[in-house]
Amino acid sequence: MSNRFLMWAKTWIEENIPPGANSDIESYEVKAKRLSEKLFAEAAAANFTNFETEEERERITPLVLAAVSDSKDFDIDAYHLKSQLARENEDGD
């Protein structure tokens, strides 16, 4: 295992995949695969060897998927809709 590569990849994920950044247009798996390929392309540009990147591919892919699947974003529109529905239900409408 390459700790240097793992630390670089975790930093890359934090900088490139903000929580809740996934739209409904692209599935989590598709976006994770696309971003994983981007990560590995940038790893080559950061002077990591093919051996290092291939060795860590199985460990990094789940980290990217977890970052893409993270939904910490607060959806204000959904909150307003739920609040409006709750008020209507309280009024007996």
Protein backbone atom coordinates (compact mmCIF):
# COMPACT_ATOMS: atom_id res chain seq x y z
CA MET A 1 0.00 0.00 0.00
CA SER A 2 1.24 3.47 -0.88
CA ASN A 3 0.48 5.83 2.01
CA ARG A 4 1.74 8.76 -0.02
CA PHE A 5 -0.77 8.02 -2.78
CA LEU A 6 -3.59 7.37 -0.30
CA MET A 7 -3.02 10.73 1.43
CA TRP A 8 -2.87 12.51 -1.93
CA ALA A 9 -6.10 10.81 -3.06
CA LYS A 10 -7.97 11.73 0.14
CA THR A 11 -6.92 15.36 -0.27
CA TRP A 12 -7.98 15.28 -3.94
CA ILE A 13 -11.40 13.89 -2.96
CA GLU A 14 -11.90 16.59 -0.32
CA GLU A 15 -10.94 19.35 -2.75
CA ASN A 16 -12.85 18.06 -5.78
CA ILE A 17 -16.02 16.44 -4.45
CA PRO A 18 -18.01 18.70 -2.14
CA PRO A 19 -20.76 17.08 -0.03
CA GLY A 20 -24.09 16.96 -1.80
CA ALA A 21 -22.59 17.92 -5.14
CA ASN A 22 -24.29 15.18 -7.12
CA SER A 23 -27.27 16.11 -9.23
CA ASP A 24 -30.09 13.74 -10.10
CA ILE A 25 -28.93 13.68 -13.71
CA GLU A 26 -26.01 11.36 -13.05
CA SER A 27 -26.15 8.23 -10.89
CA TYR A 28 -23.73 7.97 -7.98
CA GLU A 29 -21.91 5.06 -9.59
CA VAL A 30 -21.48 6.82 -12.93
CA LYS A 31 -20.24 10.02 -11.30
CA ALA A 32 -17.89 8.08 -9.00
CA LYS A 33 -16.43 6.21 -11.98
CA ARG A 34 -15.94 9.45 -13.94
CA LEU A 35 -14.30 11.22 -11.00
CA SER A 36 -12.15 8.18 -10.19
CA GLU A 37 -10.77 8.24 -13.72
CA LYS A 38 -10.09 11.96 -13.36
CA LEU A 39 -8.33 11.31 -10.03
CA PHE A 40 -6.11 8.62 -11.56
CA ALA A 41 -5.31 10.82 -14.57
CA GLU A 42 -4.25 13.61 -12.22
CA ALA A 43 -2.25 11.10 -10.17
CA ALA A 44 -0.14 10.38 -13.24
CA ALA A 45 0.42 14.12 -13.67
CA ALA A 46 1.45 14.27 -9.98
CA ASN A 47 4.24 11.77 -10.71
CA PHE A 48 2.68 8.66 -9.19
CA THR A 49 3.69 5.47 -10.97
CA ASN A 50 1.23 3.16 -12.71
CA PHE A 51 2.10 0.56 -10.08
CA GLU A 52 1.09 2.90 -7.25
CA THR A 53 -2.20 3.91 -8.86
CA GLU A 54 -3.20 0.39 -9.88
CA GLU A 55 -2.30 -0.95 -6.45
CA GLU A 56 -4.61 1.59 -4.79
CA ARG A 57 -7.47 1.53 -7.30
CA GLU A 58 -9.56 -0.91 -5.24
CA ARG A 59 -9.13 1.18 -2.08
CA ILE A 60 -9.75 4.57 -3.69
CA THR A 61 -12.87 3.77 -5.72
CA PRO A 62 -15.08 3.21 -2.61
CA LEU A 63 -13.77 6.48 -1.11
CA VAL A 64 -14.81 8.38 -4.23
CA LEU A 65 -18.23 6.67 -4.25
CA ALA A 66 -18.76 7.56 -0.58
CA ALA A 67 -17.83 11.18 -1.24
CA VAL A 68 -20.18 11.40 -4.23
CA SER A 69 -23.02 9.73 -2.31
CA ASP A 70 -22.71 12.09 0.66
CA SER A 71 -25.85 14.22 0.82
CA LYS A 72 -25.16 16.76 3.53
CA ASP A 73 -26.59 19.57 1.42
CA PHE A 74 -29.64 21.27 2.85
CA ASP A 75 -32.43 21.52 0.29
CA ILE A 76 -34.24 24.75 1.15
CA ASP A 77 -36.97 24.17 -1.46
CA ALA A 78 -37.83 20.76 0.01
CA TYR A 79 -37.90 22.33 3.48
CA HIS A 80 -40.34 25.05 2.36
CA LEU A 81 -42.56 22.51 0.62
CA LYS A 82 -42.64 20.24 3.68
CA SER A 83 -43.41 23.23 5.92
CA GLN A 84 -46.24 24.32 3.65
CA LEU A 85 -47.69 20.81 3.56
CA ALA A 86 -47.46 20.56 7.35
CA ARG A 87 -49.35 23.87 7.76
CA GLU A 88 -52.05 22.73 5.34
CA ASN A 89 -52.46 19.45 7.20
CA GLU A 90 -52.79 21.29 10.52
CA ASP A 91 -55.57 23.46 9.06
CA GLY A 92 -57.53 20.38 8.05
CA ASP A 93 -57.38 21.16 4.34
